[in-house]
């Protein structure tokens, strides 16, 4: 399988049906429409967009952020293609069968996304990888080495979105508790590196969803239920900020409010309708954050 095909197949994992027990035969990729507008001026309808549907903004104590296409101005397919090439080069330098290993890593990650919610994603990944003939005891140290010493180079050409950086600072200054609820495919060092690529400080977020802390993936409701438990927050006090109408939009089914940033908007079959949720460009989102009052006080603390 060509590396670009592997990356595209991995992106399919994020569009798996919500029910963890769905069979492989039912795991078809929903139709998706992707809109990429990384430089987007405030829209004429910004006010209408940002104050449309859902509840009063005075209920928020906590803001969950997606990473790809939201905090980080990069599309997942683009990133995964470069990631596959970098892994290939890393294994080549180790004298290993790079092509086979990269294919098995992506295939095992796909299996992880379909494994259910009763085990950690990391354990599901390694079970699938070992089933393909690779011992965890041999390869886990190698991947740790890559994530600590090679992975960060993938972000060399990423330009942070200054509007997103300003929005995060605004929310932090107003006392909102922040978390990165990204698709949990990677260990913490990789997620922290990607947050830094976005021009942000990982320490500004109470926690980040990683493959070694999460038991589910998007768009499974269990993913958001676990994030809410970890945040010590009730859904009604959480604003989910993302760019995917299904993967991020499904948080509304638990009672979270939603703001979809349209710069890298992904519209998927079964996702929310834009007209039913808050939405707008990254500039609109910054203006929305500036209009928010101070955070609602909560009795709980985010997981450190």
Protein backbone atom coordinates (compact mmCIF):
# COMPACT_ATOMS: atom_id res chain seq x y z
CA UNK A 1 0.00 0.00 0.00
CA UNK A 2 1.34 3.43 -0.93
CA UNK A 3 2.11 5.79 1.96
CA UNK A 4 -0.53 8.30 0.85
CA UNK A 5 -3.11 5.50 0.80
CA UNK A 6 -2.06 4.47 4.31
CA UNK A 7 -2.48 8.04 5.55
CA UNK A 8 -5.88 8.28 3.90
CA UNK A 9 -6.95 4.96 5.42
CA UNK A 10 -5.85 6.14 8.86
CA UNK A 11 -7.93 9.26 8.46
CA UNK A 12 -10.86 6.90 7.89
CA UNK A 13 -10.51 5.69 11.48
CA UNK A 14 -11.71 9.09 12.64
CA UNK A 15 -14.92 8.60 10.72
CA UNK A 16 -15.78 5.17 12.11
CA UNK A 17 -19.35 4.66 13.29
CA UNK A 18 -20.12 5.76 16.82
CA UNK A 19 -21.03 2.30 18.10
CA UNK A 20 -17.79 0.59 19.23
CA UNK A 21 -19.22 -2.87 18.46
CA UNK A 22 -19.96 -2.08 14.83
CA UNK A 23 -18.63 -4.77 12.50
CA UNK A 24 -15.84 -4.13 10.03
CA UNK A 25 -18.35 -4.51 7.23
CA UNK A 26 -20.29 -1.51 8.53
CA UNK A 27 -17.17 0.61 8.95
CA UNK A 28 -17.54 2.52 5.69
CA UNK A 29 -16.21 6.06 5.57
CA UNK A 30 -18.98 8.67 5.65
CA UNK A 31 -18.88 11.23 2.88
CA UNK A 32 -16.81 14.25 3.85
CA UNK A 33 -16.49 17.76 2.54
CA UNK A 34 -13.35 19.66 3.53
CA UNK A 35 -13.05 23.43 3.32
CA UNK A 36 -9.61 24.93 3.90
CA UNK A 37 -9.46 28.71 4.37
CA UNK A 38 -6.46 29.34 6.63
CA UNK A 39 -6.52 33.10 6.05
CA UNK A 40 -10.05 34.18 6.76
CA UNK A 41 -11.18 37.70 7.59
CA UNK A 42 -14.13 38.25 9.94
CA UNK A 43 -17.30 37.43 8.05
CA UNK A 44 -20.08 39.92 7.58
CA UNK A 45 -22.31 37.55 9.54
CA UNK A 46 -19.83 36.98 12.35
CA UNK A 47 -22.19 38.25 15.01
CA UNK A 48 -25.03 36.05 13.80
CA UNK A 49 -22.79 33.02 13.50
CA UNK A 50 -21.23 33.34 16.91
CA UNK A 51 -24.43 33.91 18.80
CA UNK A 52 -26.57 31.40 16.91
CA UNK A 53 -28.35 28.38 18.48
CA UNK A 54 -27.56 26.52 21.70
CA UNK A 55 -27.36 27.84 25.22
CA UNK A 56 -26.18 30.96 26.97
CA UNK A 57 -22.41 31.37 27.09
CA UNK A 58 -22.61 32.24 30.80
CA UNK A 59 -22.66 28.53 31.69
CA UNK A 60 -19.10 27.74 30.57
CA UNK A 61 -16.34 26.81 32.99
CA UNK A 62 -14.29 24.65 30.62
CA UNK A 63 -13.27 24.68 26.97
CA UNK A 64 -12.25 21.55 25.07
CA UNK A 65 -10.17 22.05 21.94
CA UNK A 66 -9.64 19.78 18.98
CA UNK A 67 -6.11 19.95 17.57
CA UNK A 68 -5.91 19.29 13.80
CA UNK A 69 -7.60 22.07 11.85
CA UNK A 70 -8.58 23.86 15.07
CA UNK A 71 -5.64 24.80 17.30
CA UNK A 72 -3.19 23.58 14.68
CA UNK A 73 -3.60 25.00 11.15
CA UNK A 74 -2.95 21.68 9.45
CA UNK A 75 -5.20 19.06 7.88
CA UNK A 76 -4.93 15.52 9.19
CA UNK A 77 -4.28 13.91 5.78
CA UNK A 78 -1.42 16.32 5.15
CA UNK A 79 0.14 15.62 8.53
CA UNK A 80 -0.24 11.84 8.33
CA UNK A 81 1.44 11.73 4.93
CA UNK A 82 4.52 13.50 6.31
CA UNK A 83 4.41 11.39 9.46
CA UNK A 84 4.46 8.17 7.42
CA UNK A 85 7.46 9.37 5.41
CA UNK A 86 9.35 10.41 8.56
CA UNK A 87 8.69 7.06 10.25
CA UNK A 88 9.87 5.29 7.11
CA UNK A 89 13.14 7.23 7.15
CA UNK A 90 13.62 6.57 10.88
CA UNK A 91 13.23 2.80 10.50
CA UNK A 92 15.46 2.82 7.42
CA UNK A 93 18.24 4.38 9.51
CA UNK A 94 17.77 1.56 12.02
CA UNK A 95 18.28 -1.01 9.27
CA UNK A 96 14.71 -2.33 9.58
CA UNK A 97 12.04 -3.18 7.00
CA UNK A 98 10.66 0.33 7.04
CA UNK A 99 7.83 -0.05 4.51
CA UNK A 100 6.37 -3.08 6.26
CA UNK A 101 6.69 -1.54 9.72
CA UNK A 102 4.98 1.71 8.75
CA UNK A 103 2.14 -0.17 7.09
CA UNK A 104 1.73 -2.31 10.21
CA UNK A 105 1.76 0.76 12.49
CA UNK A 106 -1.02 2.40 10.51
CA UNK A 107 -3.02 -0.82 10.26
CA UNK A 108 -2.65 -1.41 14.01
CA UNK A 109 -3.78 2.13 14.70
CA UNK A 110 -6.87 1.43 12.62
CA UNK A 111 -7.51 -1.71 14.68
CA UNK A 112 -7.07 0.36 17.84
CA UNK A 113 -9.83 2.70 16.70
CA UNK A 114 -12.20 -0.24 16.29
CA UNK A 115 -11.25 -2.07 19.48
CA UNK A 116 -14.02 -0.89 21.80
CA UNK A 117 -13.70 1.10 25.00
CA UNK A 118 -12.69 -1.40 27.69
CA UNK A 119 -8.91 -1.12 27.23
CA UNK A 120 -6.48 1.75 26.83
CA UNK A 121 -5.90 2.75 23.23
CA UNK A 122 -2.18 2.10 23.72
CA UNK A 123 -2.81 -1.47 24.84
CA UNK A 124 -5.18 -2.05 21.92
CA UNK A 125 -2.55 -0.69 19.52
CA UNK A 126 0.24 -2.89 20.88
CA UNK A 127 -1.97 -5.97 20.89
CA UNK A 128 -2.71 -5.41 17.19
CA UNK A 129 0.94 -4.62 16.40
CA UNK A 130 2.17 -7.75 18.17
CA UNK A 131 -0.38 -9.80 16.26
CA UNK A 132 1.48 -8.67 13.13
CA UNK A 133 4.70 -10.17 14.46
CA UNK A 134 6.34 -7.23 16.27
CA UNK A 135 7.18 -7.53 19.98
CA UNK A 136 6.17 -4.55 22.08
CA UNK A 137 9.28 -4.92 24.22
CA UNK A 138 11.42 -4.37 21.10
CA UNK A 139 9.50 -1.63 19.33
CA UNK A 140 8.05 0.53 22.10
CA UNK A 141 11.52 1.92 23.00
CA UNK A 142 12.13 2.64 19.30
CA UNK A 143 8.92 4.61 18.94
CA UNK A 144 9.62 6.47 22.17
CA UNK A 145 13.01 7.44 20.74
CA UNK A 146 11.36 8.72 17.56
CA UNK A 147 8.71 10.77 19.37
CA UNK A 148 11.30 12.33 21.69
CA UNK A 149 14.03 13.02 19.15
CA UNK A 150 12.63 12.94 15.61
CA UNK A 151 8.93 13.71 15.59
CA UNK A 152 9.24 17.44 16.31
CA UNK A 153 10.90 18.06 12.93
CA UNK A 154 7.53 17.50 11.25
CA UNK A 155 6.36 20.86 12.58
CA UNK A 156 9.25 22.88 11.17
CA UNK A 157 7.13 24.58 8.52
CA UNK A 158 3.92 25.02 10.49
CA UNK A 159 2.90 28.67 10.92
CA UNK A 160 0.71 29.21 14.02
CA UNK A 161 -2.62 30.98 13.59
CA UNK A 162 -2.26 34.20 15.62
CA UNK A 163 -6.03 34.44 16.08
CA UNK A 164 -6.15 31.04 17.74
CA UNK A 165 -3.16 31.90 19.93
CA UNK A 166 -4.90 35.10 21.01
CA UNK A 167 -8.19 33.27 21.64
CA UNK A 168 -6.52 30.71 23.93
CA UNK A 169 -4.79 33.50 25.87
CA UNK A 170 -8.09 35.37 26.19
CA UNK A 171 -9.86 32.32 27.58
CA UNK A 172 -7.03 31.56 29.99
CA UNK A 173 -6.99 35.16 31.24
CA UNK A 174 -10.75 34.96 31.89
CA UNK A 175 -10.31 31.89 34.03
CA UNK A 176 -11.58 29.16 31.72
CA UNK A 177 -10.15 25.70 32.21
CA UNK A 178 -8.70 24.39 28.96
CA UNK A 179 -8.08 20.89 27.63
CA UNK A 180 -6.92 19.43 24.32
CA UNK A 181 -9.37 16.72 23.30
CA UNK A 182 -7.64 15.55 20.16
CA UNK A 183 -8.00 12.17 18.47
CA UNK A 184 -5.93 10.03 20.90
CA UNK A 185 -3.57 8.34 18.45
CA UNK A 186 -0.24 9.48 19.92
CA UNK A 187 1.66 9.47 23.24
CA UNK A 188 1.98 12.67 25.27
CA UNK A 189 5.36 13.87 23.88
CA UNK A 190 3.94 13.87 20.35
CA UNK A 191 0.77 15.73 21.35
CA UNK A 192 2.74 18.31 23.33
CA UNK A 193 5.01 18.84 20.32
CA UNK A 194 2.01 19.45 18.09
CA UNK A 195 0.56 21.95 20.57
CA UNK A 196 3.87 23.82 20.46
CA UNK A 197 3.70 23.84 16.64
CA UNK A 198 0.45 25.75 17.08
CA UNK A 199 2.36 28.45 19.00
CA UNK A 200 0.86 27.39 22.32
CA UNK A 201 2.23 26.26 25.67
CA UNK A 202 1.21 22.72 26.67
CA UNK A 203 1.13 23.91 30.29
CA UNK A 204 -1.86 26.12 29.46
CA UNK A 205 -4.01 22.99 29.16
CA UNK A 206 -5.13 20.91 32.11
CA UNK A 207 -4.82 17.70 30.15
CA UNK A 208 -4.49 16.33 26.63
CA UNK A 209 -6.06 13.16 25.31
CA UNK A 210 -3.36 10.67 24.34
CA UNK A 211 -3.30 7.04 23.30
CA UNK A 212 -2.00 6.03 26.72
CA UNK A 213 -4.75 7.82 28.69
CA UNK A 214 -7.86 7.31 26.51
CA UNK A 215 -10.06 4.24 26.07
CA UNK A 216 -11.98 5.45 23.01
CA UNK A 217 -11.61 7.54 19.86
CA UNK A 218 -13.69 10.15 18.10
CA UNK A 219 -16.57 10.05 17.29
CA UNK A 220 -17.41 7.56 20.05
CA UNK A 221 -19.46 9.15 22.81
CA UNK A 222 -17.27 7.28 25.29
CA UNK A 223 -14.35 9.49 24.22
CA UNK A 224 -16.14 12.65 25.38
CA UNK A 225 -17.65 11.01 28.44
CA UNK A 226 -14.15 10.07 29.56
CA UNK A 227 -12.86 13.60 28.85
CA UNK A 228 -15.70 15.10 30.90
CA UNK A 229 -14.91 12.78 33.80
CA UNK A 230 -11.24 13.66 33.60
CA UNK A 231 -12.10 17.38 33.54
CA UNK A 232 -14.42 17.03 36.52
CA UNK A 233 -16.97 19.02 34.53
CA UNK A 234 -20.59 18.57 33.61
CA UNK A 235 -21.34 18.66 29.90
CA UNK A 236 -23.55 21.76 30.23
CA UNK A 237 -20.54 23.82 31.37
CA UNK A 238 -18.25 22.72 28.51
CA UNK A 239 -17.71 24.40 25.15
CA UNK A 240 -16.21 22.06 22.54
CA UNK A 241 -14.21 23.89 19.87
CA UNK A 242 -13.44 21.95 16.71
CA UNK A 243 -13.68 21.81 12.94
CA UNK A 244 -15.39 18.47 12.25
CA UNK A 245 -19.18 18.29 12.20
CA UNK A 246 -19.16 14.63 13.30
CA UNK A 247 -16.04 14.03 15.40
CA UNK A 248 -16.38 17.28 17.33
CA UNK A 249 -20.10 17.80 16.80
CA UNK A 250 -21.03 14.55 18.51
CA UNK A 251 -20.05 16.12 21.86
CA UNK A 252 -23.38 17.95 21.71
CA UNK A 253 -25.17 14.61 22.23
CA UNK A 254 -23.80 14.58 25.78
CA UNK A 255 -24.87 18.18 26.35
CA UNK A 256 -21.71 20.13 25.49
CA UNK A 257 -22.04 23.37 23.57
CA UNK A 258 -20.12 23.64 20.29
CA UNK A 259 -18.22 26.16 18.22
CA UNK A 260 -17.04 24.95 14.82
CA UNK A 261 -14.14 26.91 13.35
CA UNK A 262 -14.52 26.99 9.58
CA UNK A 263 -10.92 27.66 8.48
CA UNK A 264 -10.41 23.90 7.97
CA UNK A 265 -14.02 22.80 8.21
CA UNK A 266 -14.80 19.11 7.65
CA UNK A 267 -18.45 18.27 7.08
CA UNK A 268 -19.29 14.58 7.51
CA UNK A 269 -22.42 12.55 7.02
CA UNK A 270 -24.18 12.22 10.36
CA UNK A 271 -22.58 15.34 11.78
CA UNK A 272 -24.29 18.45 13.12
CA UNK A 273 -25.67 21.11 10.80
CA UNK A 274 -23.76 24.38 10.88
CA UNK A 275 -26.99 26.32 11.26
CA UNK A 276 -27.70 24.46 14.51
CA UNK A 277 -24.45 25.39 16.28
CA UNK A 278 -22.11 28.29 16.84
CA UNK A 279 -19.66 28.61 13.95
CA UNK A 280 -17.40 31.03 12.16
CA UNK A 281 -13.81 31.69 11.12
CA UNK A 282 -10.90 31.75 13.56
CA UNK A 283 -11.27 35.54 13.57
CA UNK A 284 -14.93 35.13 14.50
CA UNK A 285 -13.95 32.73 17.28
CA UNK A 286 -11.45 35.23 18.70
CA UNK A 287 -14.17 37.90 18.71
CA UNK A 288 -16.51 35.42 20.42
CA UNK A 289 -13.90 34.76 23.14
CA UNK A 290 -13.36 38.48 23.64
CA UNK A 291 -17.10 38.94 24.23
CA UNK A 292 -17.31 36.15 26.80
CA UNK A 293 -17.49 37.06 30.45
CA UNK A 294 -15.40 35.51 33.18
CA UNK A 295 -15.52 31.74 33.50
CA UNK A 296 -18.25 30.13 35.56
CA UNK A 297 -16.80 28.87 38.82
CA UNK A 298 -16.69 25.10 39.19
CA UNK A 299 -16.19 22.83 42.16
CA UNK A 300 -13.79 20.54 40.34
CA UNK A 301 -10.27 20.82 38.96
CA UNK A 302 -8.90 19.64 35.65
CA UNK A 303 -6.70 16.56 35.72
CA UNK A 304 -3.07 17.64 35.74
